[in-house]
Amino acid sequence: MDIVVAVDSNWGIGLNGTQTVVIPEDRKYFRELTKNSTVILGRRTLLDFPNAKPLPKRRNIILTTDKSFFVEGGEVAHSVEEAVHLCKNDEKVFVIGGASIYEQFLPLCKYAYITKLYASSEADRWFHNLDNDPNWKLVSPEERKLSGEIEYAFVKYENLSL
């Protein structure tokens, strides 16, 4: 199980229920990385998707405490344990947000695929700063690129505690 997330220079990931900084290169990277895999996400993250529909070409597991929640094209789990059980036989599983889902699943994930966006933006949700965590190690170089005026890099961290 791995994590996919885009963070700004302060590890901010969201403001008012949507991503703080969006670049087309990150969207493409996300699509290619997660296609034909299982994704685990929270209900509020699902609501940020176009038409609030599950992502195509992926198995979508939506984590929510709302027992009456249903979404066509997705499966619902009501706990971390239930979500893990649902995807225990799946080859590729990615946790894709939001903030509370990342926090709950981070200790269970082997790798974190992070798009670092070297831009500062207002945020009300943050991802755990892996640069300051001795259990996580950067295992790919930060090759900075440019999208318009925004510098970014696709990086990969490994959870050394697993």
N, C-alpha and C. Protein backbone atom coordinates (compact mmCIF):
# COMPACT_ATOMS: atom_id res chain seq x y z
N MET A 1 0.85 -1.17 0.00
CA MET A 1 0.00 0.00 0.00
C MET A 1 0.90 1.24 0.00
N ASP A 2 0.56 2.21 -0.85
CA ASP A 2 1.35 3.42 -0.99
C ASP A 2 0.45 4.65 -0.93
N ILE A 3 1.08 5.80 -0.80
CA ILE A 3 0.36 7.08 -0.75
C ILE A 3 0.73 7.89 -1.98
N VAL A 4 -0.22 8.64 -2.50
CA VAL A 4 0.02 9.61 -3.57
C VAL A 4 -0.55 10.93 -3.10
N VAL A 5 0.28 11.99 -3.14
CA VAL A 5 -0.18 13.30 -2.67
C VAL A 5 0.65 14.40 -3.32
N ALA A 6 0.02 15.55 -3.51
CA ALA A 6 0.71 16.75 -3.97
C ALA A 6 0.74 17.72 -2.79
N VAL A 7 1.93 18.25 -2.50
CA VAL A 7 2.10 19.17 -1.37
C VAL A 7 2.74 20.46 -1.85
N ASP A 8 2.39 21.57 -1.17
CA ASP A 8 3.07 22.82 -1.48
C ASP A 8 4.34 22.91 -0.63
N SER A 9 5.02 24.02 -0.68
CA SER A 9 6.30 24.14 0.00
C SER A 9 6.19 24.05 1.52
N ASN A 10 4.99 24.20 2.06
CA ASN A 10 4.76 24.05 3.50
C ASN A 10 4.06 22.74 3.83
N TRP A 11 4.02 21.82 2.89
CA TRP A 11 3.33 20.53 3.00
C TRP A 11 1.81 20.71 3.10
N GLY A 12 1.32 21.85 2.63
CA GLY A 12 -0.12 22.08 2.55
C GLY A 12 -0.71 21.26 1.42
N ILE A 13 -1.92 20.73 1.66
CA ILE A 13 -2.56 19.91 0.61
C ILE A 13 -3.96 20.38 0.25
N GLY A 14 -4.58 21.19 1.10
CA GLY A 14 -5.96 21.55 0.80
C GLY A 14 -6.40 22.84 1.45
N LEU A 15 -7.41 23.44 0.85
CA LEU A 15 -8.07 24.63 1.38
C LEU A 15 -9.54 24.54 1.00
N ASN A 16 -10.39 24.57 2.01
CA ASN A 16 -11.84 24.52 1.79
C ASN A 16 -12.26 23.32 0.94
N GLY A 17 -11.62 22.18 1.17
CA GLY A 17 -12.04 20.95 0.51
C GLY A 17 -11.50 20.73 -0.89
N THR A 18 -10.54 21.53 -1.31
CA THR A 18 -9.97 21.32 -2.63
C THR A 18 -8.45 21.49 -2.57
N GLN A 19 -7.74 20.98 -3.57
CA GLN A 19 -6.28 21.08 -3.60
C GLN A 19 -5.84 22.53 -3.64
N THR A 20 -4.71 22.81 -2.97
CA THR A 20 -4.22 24.19 -2.92
C THR A 20 -3.59 24.63 -4.24
N VAL A 21 -2.77 23.79 -4.82
CA VAL A 21 -2.10 24.11 -6.09
C VAL A 21 -2.31 22.93 -7.03
N VAL A 22 -2.74 23.22 -8.25
CA VAL A 22 -2.98 22.17 -9.23
C VAL A 22 -2.20 22.49 -10.50
N ILE A 23 -1.45 21.50 -10.98
CA ILE A 23 -0.75 21.65 -12.26
C ILE A 23 -1.10 20.43 -13.13
N PRO A 24 -1.18 20.62 -14.44
CA PRO A 24 -1.58 19.50 -15.32
C PRO A 24 -0.61 18.33 -15.26
N GLU A 25 0.67 18.59 -15.05
CA GLU A 25 1.65 17.51 -14.99
C GLU A 25 1.39 16.58 -13.81
N ASP A 26 0.93 17.14 -12.70
CA ASP A 26 0.61 16.31 -11.53
C ASP A 26 -0.62 15.46 -11.80
N ARG A 27 -1.62 16.04 -12.45
CA ARG A 27 -2.82 15.26 -12.79
C ARG A 27 -2.47 14.07 -13.68
N LYS A 28 -1.61 14.31 -14.67
CA LYS A 28 -1.19 13.24 -15.58
C LYS A 28 -0.40 12.17 -14.83
N TYR A 29 0.51 12.59 -13.98
CA TYR A 29 1.32 11.67 -13.18
C TYR A 29 0.42 10.80 -12.30
N PHE A 30 -0.55 11.44 -11.65
CA PHE A 30 -1.50 10.72 -10.80
C PHE A 30 -2.28 9.69 -11.60
N ARG A 31 -2.80 10.09 -12.76
CA ARG A 31 -3.57 9.17 -13.61
C ARG A 31 -2.74 7.96 -14.00
N GLU A 32 -1.52 8.20 -14.46
CA GLU A 32 -0.66 7.10 -14.91
C GLU A 32 -0.26 6.18 -13.77
N LEU A 33 0.03 6.77 -12.61
CA LEU A 33 0.47 5.98 -11.46
C LEU A 33 -0.64 5.09 -10.91
N THR A 34 -1.86 5.61 -10.86
CA THR A 34 -2.95 4.90 -10.18
C THR A 34 -3.86 4.11 -11.11
N LYS A 35 -3.70 4.26 -12.43
CA LYS A 35 -4.57 3.56 -13.37
C LYS A 35 -4.47 2.05 -13.16
N ASN A 36 -5.60 1.37 -13.23
CA ASN A 36 -5.70 -0.09 -13.07
C ASN A 36 -5.26 -0.56 -11.69
N SER A 37 -5.48 0.28 -10.70
CA SER A 37 -5.13 -0.10 -9.32
C SER A 37 -6.34 0.18 -8.42
N THR A 38 -6.14 -0.05 -7.14
CA THR A 38 -7.16 0.29 -6.14
C THR A 38 -6.78 1.60 -5.49
N VAL A 39 -7.76 2.48 -5.32
CA VAL A 39 -7.51 3.74 -4.60
C VAL A 39 -8.42 3.79 -3.38
N ILE A 40 -7.86 4.27 -2.29
CA ILE A 40 -8.62 4.47 -1.05
C ILE A 40 -8.68 5.96 -0.80
N LEU A 41 -9.89 6.46 -0.58
CA LEU A 41 -10.09 7.89 -0.38
C LEU A 41 -11.23 8.13 0.58
N GLY A 42 -11.25 9.33 1.11
CA GLY A 42 -12.33 9.73 1.98
C GLY A 42 -13.51 10.26 1.19
N ARG A 43 -14.66 10.31 1.84
CA ARG A 43 -15.88 10.79 1.19
C ARG A 43 -15.73 12.24 0.71
N ARG A 44 -15.11 13.09 1.53
CA ARG A 44 -14.95 14.50 1.12
C ARG A 44 -14.03 14.64 -0.08
N THR A 45 -13.03 13.78 -0.19
CA THR A 45 -12.16 13.80 -1.37
C THR A 45 -12.97 13.41 -2.61
N LEU A 46 -13.82 12.42 -2.47
CA LEU A 46 -14.69 12.02 -3.58
C LEU A 46 -15.54 13.20 -4.05
N LEU A 47 -16.04 13.98 -3.12
CA LEU A 47 -16.89 15.12 -3.47
C LEU A 47 -16.14 16.19 -4.26
N ASP A 48 -14.80 16.19 -4.18
CA ASP A 48 -13.98 17.15 -4.92
C ASP A 48 -13.73 16.68 -6.36
N PHE A 49 -14.05 15.43 -6.68
CA PHE A 49 -13.87 14.90 -8.03
C PHE A 49 -14.94 15.46 -8.96
N PRO A 50 -14.66 15.47 -10.28
CA PRO A 50 -15.69 15.90 -11.23
C PRO A 50 -16.98 15.10 -11.05
N ASN A 51 -18.07 15.78 -10.87
CA ASN A 51 -19.39 15.18 -10.66
C ASN A 51 -19.45 14.27 -9.44
N ALA A 52 -18.46 14.38 -8.55
CA ALA A 52 -18.39 13.57 -7.32
C ALA A 52 -18.53 12.08 -7.63
N LYS A 53 -17.89 11.65 -8.73
CA LYS A 53 -17.96 10.24 -9.15
C LYS A 53 -16.61 9.56 -8.94
N PRO A 54 -16.62 8.26 -8.64
CA PRO A 54 -15.36 7.52 -8.49
C PRO A 54 -14.50 7.62 -9.75
N LEU A 55 -13.21 7.46 -9.55
CA LEU A 55 -12.27 7.56 -10.67
C LEU A 55 -12.40 6.36 -11.60
N PRO A 56 -12.42 6.59 -12.91
CA PRO A 56 -12.52 5.48 -13.86
C PRO A 56 -11.21 4.67 -13.90
N LYS A 57 -11.33 3.44 -14.34
CA LYS A 57 -10.19 2.52 -14.51
C LYS A 57 -9.45 2.26 -13.21
N ARG A 58 -10.18 2.34 -12.10
CA ARG A 58 -9.62 2.05 -10.78
C ARG A 58 -10.71 1.45 -9.91
N ARG A 59 -10.32 0.64 -8.97
CA ARG A 59 -11.24 0.19 -7.93
C ARG A 59 -11.22 1.28 -6.85
N ASN A 60 -12.36 1.88 -6.56
CA ASN A 60 -12.46 2.97 -5.60
C ASN A 60 -13.06 2.47 -4.29
N ILE A 61 -12.31 2.63 -3.20
CA ILE A 61 -12.82 2.31 -1.87
C ILE A 61 -12.92 3.63 -1.12
N ILE A 62 -14.14 3.99 -0.76
CA ILE A 62 -14.40 5.26 -0.10
C ILE A 62 -14.60 5.01 1.38
N LEU A 63 -13.80 5.69 2.20
CA LEU A 63 -13.86 5.53 3.65
C LEU A 63 -14.73 6.64 4.23
N THR A 64 -15.74 6.24 4.99
CA THR A 64 -16.64 7.21 5.62
C THR A 64 -17.25 6.59 6.87
N THR A 65 -17.61 7.45 7.81
CA THR A 65 -18.32 6.96 9.01
C THR A 65 -19.83 6.97 8.79
N ASP A 66 -20.27 7.56 7.68
CA ASP A 66 -21.69 7.64 7.36
C ASP A 66 -22.19 6.27 6.89
N LYS A 67 -22.93 5.60 7.74
CA LYS A 67 -23.41 4.23 7.45
C LYS A 67 -24.40 4.19 6.29
N SER A 68 -25.02 5.33 5.96
CA SER A 68 -26.00 5.34 4.87
C SER A 68 -25.38 5.76 3.54
N PHE A 69 -24.09 6.06 3.53
CA PHE A 69 -23.44 6.53 2.31
C PHE A 69 -23.36 5.42 1.26
N PHE A 70 -23.68 5.78 0.02
CA PHE A 70 -23.60 4.86 -1.12
C PHE A 70 -23.13 5.66 -2.31
N VAL A 71 -22.29 5.08 -3.13
CA VAL A 71 -21.89 5.73 -4.37
C VAL A 71 -21.79 4.66 -5.45
N GLU A 72 -22.44 4.92 -6.57
CA GLU A 72 -22.37 4.00 -7.69
C GLU A 72 -20.95 3.99 -8.26
N GLY A 73 -20.43 2.79 -8.48
CA GLY A 73 -19.09 2.66 -9.04
C GLY A 73 -17.99 2.64 -8.00
N GLY A 74 -18.38 2.62 -6.73
CA GLY A 74 -17.38 2.58 -5.66
C GLY A 74 -17.82 1.64 -4.56
N GLU A 75 -16.89 1.27 -3.71
CA GLU A 75 -17.19 0.44 -2.54
C GLU A 75 -16.99 1.31 -1.31
N VAL A 76 -17.76 1.05 -0.28
CA VAL A 76 -17.70 1.86 0.93
C VAL A 76 -17.13 1.04 2.07
N ALA A 77 -16.21 1.65 2.81
CA ALA A 77 -15.65 1.06 4.03
C ALA A 77 -15.90 2.04 5.16
N HIS A 78 -16.12 1.51 6.36
CA HIS A 78 -16.42 2.37 7.51
C HIS A 78 -15.31 2.41 8.53
N SER A 79 -14.17 1.78 8.22
CA SER A 79 -13.01 1.83 9.11
C SER A 79 -11.76 1.54 8.29
N VAL A 80 -10.62 1.91 8.85
CA VAL A 80 -9.35 1.60 8.20
C VAL A 80 -9.22 0.09 8.02
N GLU A 81 -9.56 -0.64 9.06
CA GLU A 81 -9.45 -2.11 9.02
C GLU A 81 -10.31 -2.70 7.91
N GLU A 82 -11.52 -2.18 7.76
CA GLU A 82 -12.41 -2.68 6.70
C GLU A 82 -11.84 -2.37 5.31
N ALA A 83 -11.31 -1.17 5.14
CA ALA A 83 -10.72 -0.79 3.85
C ALA A 83 -9.52 -1.68 3.52
N VAL A 84 -8.67 -1.92 4.52
CA VAL A 84 -7.50 -2.79 4.32
C VAL A 84 -7.95 -4.20 3.97
N HIS A 85 -8.99 -4.69 4.64
CA HIS A 85 -9.50 -6.03 4.36
C HIS A 85 -10.04 -6.13 2.92
N LEU A 86 -10.75 -5.09 2.48
CA LEU A 86 -11.32 -5.10 1.14
C LEU A 86 -10.25 -5.22 0.05
N CYS A 87 -9.09 -4.64 0.29
CA CYS A 87 -8.07 -4.62 -0.77
C CYS A 87 -6.87 -5.51 -0.46
N LYS A 88 -7.03 -6.42 0.48
CA LYS A 88 -5.89 -7.23 0.92
C LYS A 88 -5.28 -8.08 -0.19
N ASN A 89 -6.04 -8.44 -1.21
CA ASN A 89 -5.52 -9.26 -2.31
C ASN A 89 -5.18 -8.45 -3.55
N ASP A 90 -5.33 -7.14 -3.48
CA ASP A 90 -5.06 -6.29 -4.64
C ASP A 90 -3.56 -6.03 -4.77
N GLU A 91 -3.09 -6.04 -6.00
CA GLU A 91 -1.66 -5.89 -6.26
C GLU A 91 -1.17 -4.48 -5.97
N LYS A 92 -1.88 -3.47 -6.47
CA LYS A 92 -1.47 -2.08 -6.29
C LYS A 92 -2.59 -1.31 -5.60
N VAL A 93 -2.26 -0.72 -4.44
CA VAL A 93 -3.23 0.05 -3.67
C VAL A 93 -2.60 1.40 -3.35
N PHE A 94 -3.34 2.47 -3.64
CA PHE A 94 -2.87 3.82 -3.36
C PHE A 94 -3.88 4.55 -2.48
N VAL A 95 -3.38 5.18 -1.44
CA VAL A 95 -4.19 6.04 -0.59
C VAL A 95 -4.07 7.44 -1.19
N ILE A 96 -5.24 8.06 -1.50
CA ILE A 96 -5.20 9.31 -2.26
C ILE A 96 -5.86 10.49 -1.54
N GLY A 97 -6.14 10.35 -0.25
CA GLY A 97 -6.61 11.52 0.51
C GLY A 97 -8.02 11.41 1.01
N GLY A 98 -8.40 12.38 1.72
CA GLY A 98 -7.78 13.63 2.14
C GLY A 98 -6.93 13.49 3.40
N ALA A 99 -6.80 14.64 4.06
CA ALA A 99 -5.84 14.77 5.16
C ALA A 99 -6.02 13.72 6.25
N SER A 100 -7.23 13.51 6.70
CA SER A 100 -7.44 12.54 7.80
C SER A 100 -7.20 11.10 7.32
N ILE A 101 -7.50 10.83 6.06
CA ILE A 101 -7.24 9.49 5.50
C ILE A 101 -5.74 9.26 5.41
N TYR A 102 -5.01 10.26 4.92
CA TYR A 102 -3.55 10.16 4.87
C TYR A 102 -2.98 9.88 6.26
N GLU A 103 -3.45 10.62 7.23
CA GLU A 103 -2.95 10.47 8.61
C GLU A 103 -3.18 9.06 9.14
N GLN A 104 -4.36 8.50 8.87
CA GLN A 104 -4.68 7.17 9.37
C GLN A 104 -3.90 6.06 8.66
N PHE A 105 -3.62 6.24 7.37
CA PHE A 105 -2.98 5.19 6.58
C PHE A 105 -1.46 5.32 6.49
N LEU A 106 -0.90 6.47 6.82
CA LEU A 106 0.53 6.69 6.65
C LEU A 106 1.40 5.59 7.26
N PRO A 107 1.12 5.14 8.49
CA PRO A 107 1.96 4.09 9.08
C PRO A 107 1.88 2.75 8.34
N LEU A 108 0.85 2.55 7.53
CA LEU A 108 0.65 1.29 6.82
C LEU A 108 1.26 1.29 5.42
N CYS A 109 1.72 2.44 4.97
CA CYS A 109 2.19 2.59 3.59
C CYS A 109 3.69 2.44 3.49
N LYS A 110 4.13 1.71 2.46
CA LYS A 110 5.56 1.47 2.23
C LYS A 110 6.21 2.65 1.51
N TYR A 111 5.51 3.21 0.53
CA TYR A 111 6.07 4.32 -0.24
C TYR A 111 5.09 5.48 -0.27
N ALA A 112 5.66 6.68 -0.41
CA ALA A 112 4.86 7.89 -0.62
C ALA A 112 5.35 8.55 -1.90
N TYR A 113 4.46 8.63 -2.88
CA TYR A 113 4.76 9.30 -4.14
C TYR A 113 4.25 10.73 -4.01
N ILE A 114 5.18 11.67 -3.95
CA ILE A 114 4.82 13.04 -3.63
C ILE A 114 5.19 13.97 -4.77
N THR A 115 4.23 14.78 -5.16
CA THR A 115 4.52 15.89 -6.06
C THR A 115 4.79 17.08 -5.17
N LYS A 116 6.04 17.54 -5.17
CA LYS A 116 6.40 18.72 -4.39
C LYS A 116 6.23 19.93 -5.30
N LEU A 117 5.34 20.82 -4.87
CA LEU A 117 5.08 22.04 -5.62
C LEU A 117 5.76 23.17 -4.86
N TYR A 118 6.78 23.77 -5.47
CA TYR A 118 7.57 24.79 -4.78
C TYR A 118 6.88 26.14 -4.90
N ALA A 119 5.71 26.19 -4.29
CA ALA A 119 4.90 27.39 -4.24
C ALA A 119 4.24 27.42 -2.88
N SER A 120 4.10 28.59 -2.34
CA SER A 120 3.44 28.74 -1.05
C SER A 120 1.99 29.13 -1.30
N SER A 121 1.09 28.49 -0.60
CA SER A 121 -0.32 28.83 -0.78
C SER A 121 -1.04 28.72 0.56
N GLU A 122 -2.17 29.35 0.64
CA GLU A 122 -2.98 29.25 1.86
C GLU A 122 -3.54 27.84 1.94
N ALA A 123 -3.50 27.26 3.14
CA ALA A 123 -4.00 25.89 3.32
C ALA A 123 -4.66 25.76 4.69
N ASP A 124 -5.61 24.85 4.76
CA ASP A 124 -6.19 24.49 6.06
C ASP A 124 -6.03 22.99 6.33
N ARG A 125 -5.35 22.29 5.42
CA ARG A 125 -5.04 20.87 5.58
C ARG A 125 -3.59 20.65 5.14
N TRP A 126 -2.87 19.82 5.92
CA TRP A 126 -1.46 19.57 5.64
C TRP A 126 -1.19 18.08 5.65
N PHE A 127 -0.14 17.71 4.93
CA PHE A 127 0.37 16.35 4.94
C PHE A 127 1.55 16.32 5.90
N HIS A 128 1.78 15.18 6.51
CA HIS A 128 2.90 14.99 7.43
C HIS A 128 4.22 15.29 6.71
N ASN A 129 5.08 16.11 7.30
CA ASN A 129 6.35 16.49 6.69
C ASN A 129 7.33 15.32 6.78
N LEU A 130 7.47 14.59 5.69
CA LEU A 130 8.33 13.40 5.68
C LEU A 130 9.81 13.75 5.76
N ASP A 131 10.17 14.97 5.37
CA ASP A 131 11.58 15.39 5.46
C ASP A 131 12.05 15.44 6.91
N ASN A 132 11.12 15.64 7.85
CA ASN A 132 11.47 15.74 9.27
C ASN A 132 11.18 14.47 10.04
N ASP A 133 10.84 13.39 9.35
CA ASP A 133 10.49 12.14 10.01
C ASP A 133 11.58 11.10 9.76
N PRO A 134 12.28 10.65 10.81
CA PRO A 134 13.38 9.69 10.62
C PRO A 134 12.93 8.33 10.08
N ASN A 135 11.62 8.03 10.15
CA ASN A 135 11.11 6.77 9.62
C ASN A 135 10.92 6.80 8.10
N TRP A 136 11.04 7.97 7.51
CA TRP A 136 10.85 8.11 6.07
C TRP A 136 12.13 8.63 5.42
N LYS A 137 12.48 8.02 4.29
CA LYS A 137 13.71 8.39 3.58
C LYS A 137 13.39 8.72 2.13
N LEU A 138 13.94 9.82 1.66
CA LEU A 138 13.81 10.19 0.25
C LEU A 138 14.64 9.20 -0.57
N VAL A 139 13.99 8.51 -1.51
CA VAL A 139 14.70 7.48 -2.29
C VAL A 139 14.79 7.81 -3.78
N SER A 140 14.32 8.99 -4.15
CA SER A 140 14.47 9.42 -5.55
C SER A 140 14.94 10.87 -5.53
N PRO A 141 15.72 11.27 -6.52
CA PRO A 141 16.23 12.64 -6.53
C PRO A 141 15.14 13.65 -6.83
N GLU A 142 15.36 14.86 -6.33
CA GLU A 142 14.42 15.95 -6.61
C GLU A 142 14.85 16.65 -7.89
N GLU A 143 14.31 16.20 -9.00
CA GLU A 143 14.60 16.85 -10.28
C GLU A 143 13.52 17.89 -10.53
N ARG A 144 13.86 19.13 -10.28
CA ARG A 144 12.87 20.21 -10.42
C ARG A 144 12.57 20.50 -11.88
N LYS A 145 11.27 20.71 -12.13
CA LYS A 145 10.81 21.06 -13.47
C LYS A 145 9.93 22.29 -13.33
N LEU A 146 9.45 22.81 -14.44
CA LEU A 146 8.62 24.00 -14.43
C LEU A 146 7.29 23.75 -15.12
N SER A 147 6.21 24.18 -14.47
CA SER A 147 4.87 24.17 -15.06
C SER A 147 4.36 25.60 -15.00
N GLY A 148 4.38 26.29 -16.12
CA GLY A 148 4.08 27.71 -16.08
C GLY A 148 5.14 28.39 -15.23
N GLU A 149 4.72 28.99 -14.12
CA GLU A 149 5.67 29.64 -13.21
C GLU A 149 5.89 28.83 -11.94
N ILE A 150 5.34 27.62 -11.89
CA ILE A 150 5.43 26.81 -10.67
C ILE A 150 6.49 25.73 -10.85
N GLU A 151 7.46 25.74 -9.94
CA GLU A 151 8.46 24.67 -9.91
C GLU A 151 7.86 23.47 -9.21
N TYR A 152 8.21 22.27 -9.68
CA TYR A 152 7.70 21.06 -9.05
C TYR A 152 8.69 19.92 -9.24
N ALA A 153 8.50 18.87 -8.45
CA ALA A 153 9.31 17.65 -8.60
C ALA A 153 8.48 16.47 -8.15
N PHE A 154 8.63 15.35 -8.86
CA PHE A 154 8.02 14.09 -8.44
C PHE A 154 9.07 13.35 -7.62
N VAL A 155 8.76 13.07 -6.36
CA VAL A 155 9.72 12.40 -5.49
C VAL A 155 9.07 11.18 -4.84
N LYS A 156 9.91 10.31 -4.34
CA LYS A 156 9.42 9.08 -3.70
C LYS A 156 10.15 8.90 -2.37
N TYR A 157 9.35 8.62 -1.34
CA TYR A 157 9.89 8.34 -0.01
C TYR A 157 9.58 6.90 0.35
N GLU A 158 10.45 6.31 1.16
CA GLU A 158 10.24 4.95 1.65
C GLU A 158 10.06 4.97 3.16
N ASN A 159 9.08 4.20 3.62
CA ASN A 159 8.83 4.05 5.06
C ASN A 159 9.80 3.00 5.59
N LEU A 160 10.79 3.43 6.35
CA LEU A 160 11.83 2.52 6.86
C LEU A 160 11.34 1.64 7.99
N SER A 161 10.17 1.95 8.54
CA SER A 161 9.65 1.16 9.67
C SER A 161 8.90 -0.08 9.20
N LEU A 162 8.71 -0.24 7.89
CA LEU A 162 8.00 -1.42 7.36
C LEU A 162 8.98 -2.41 6.75
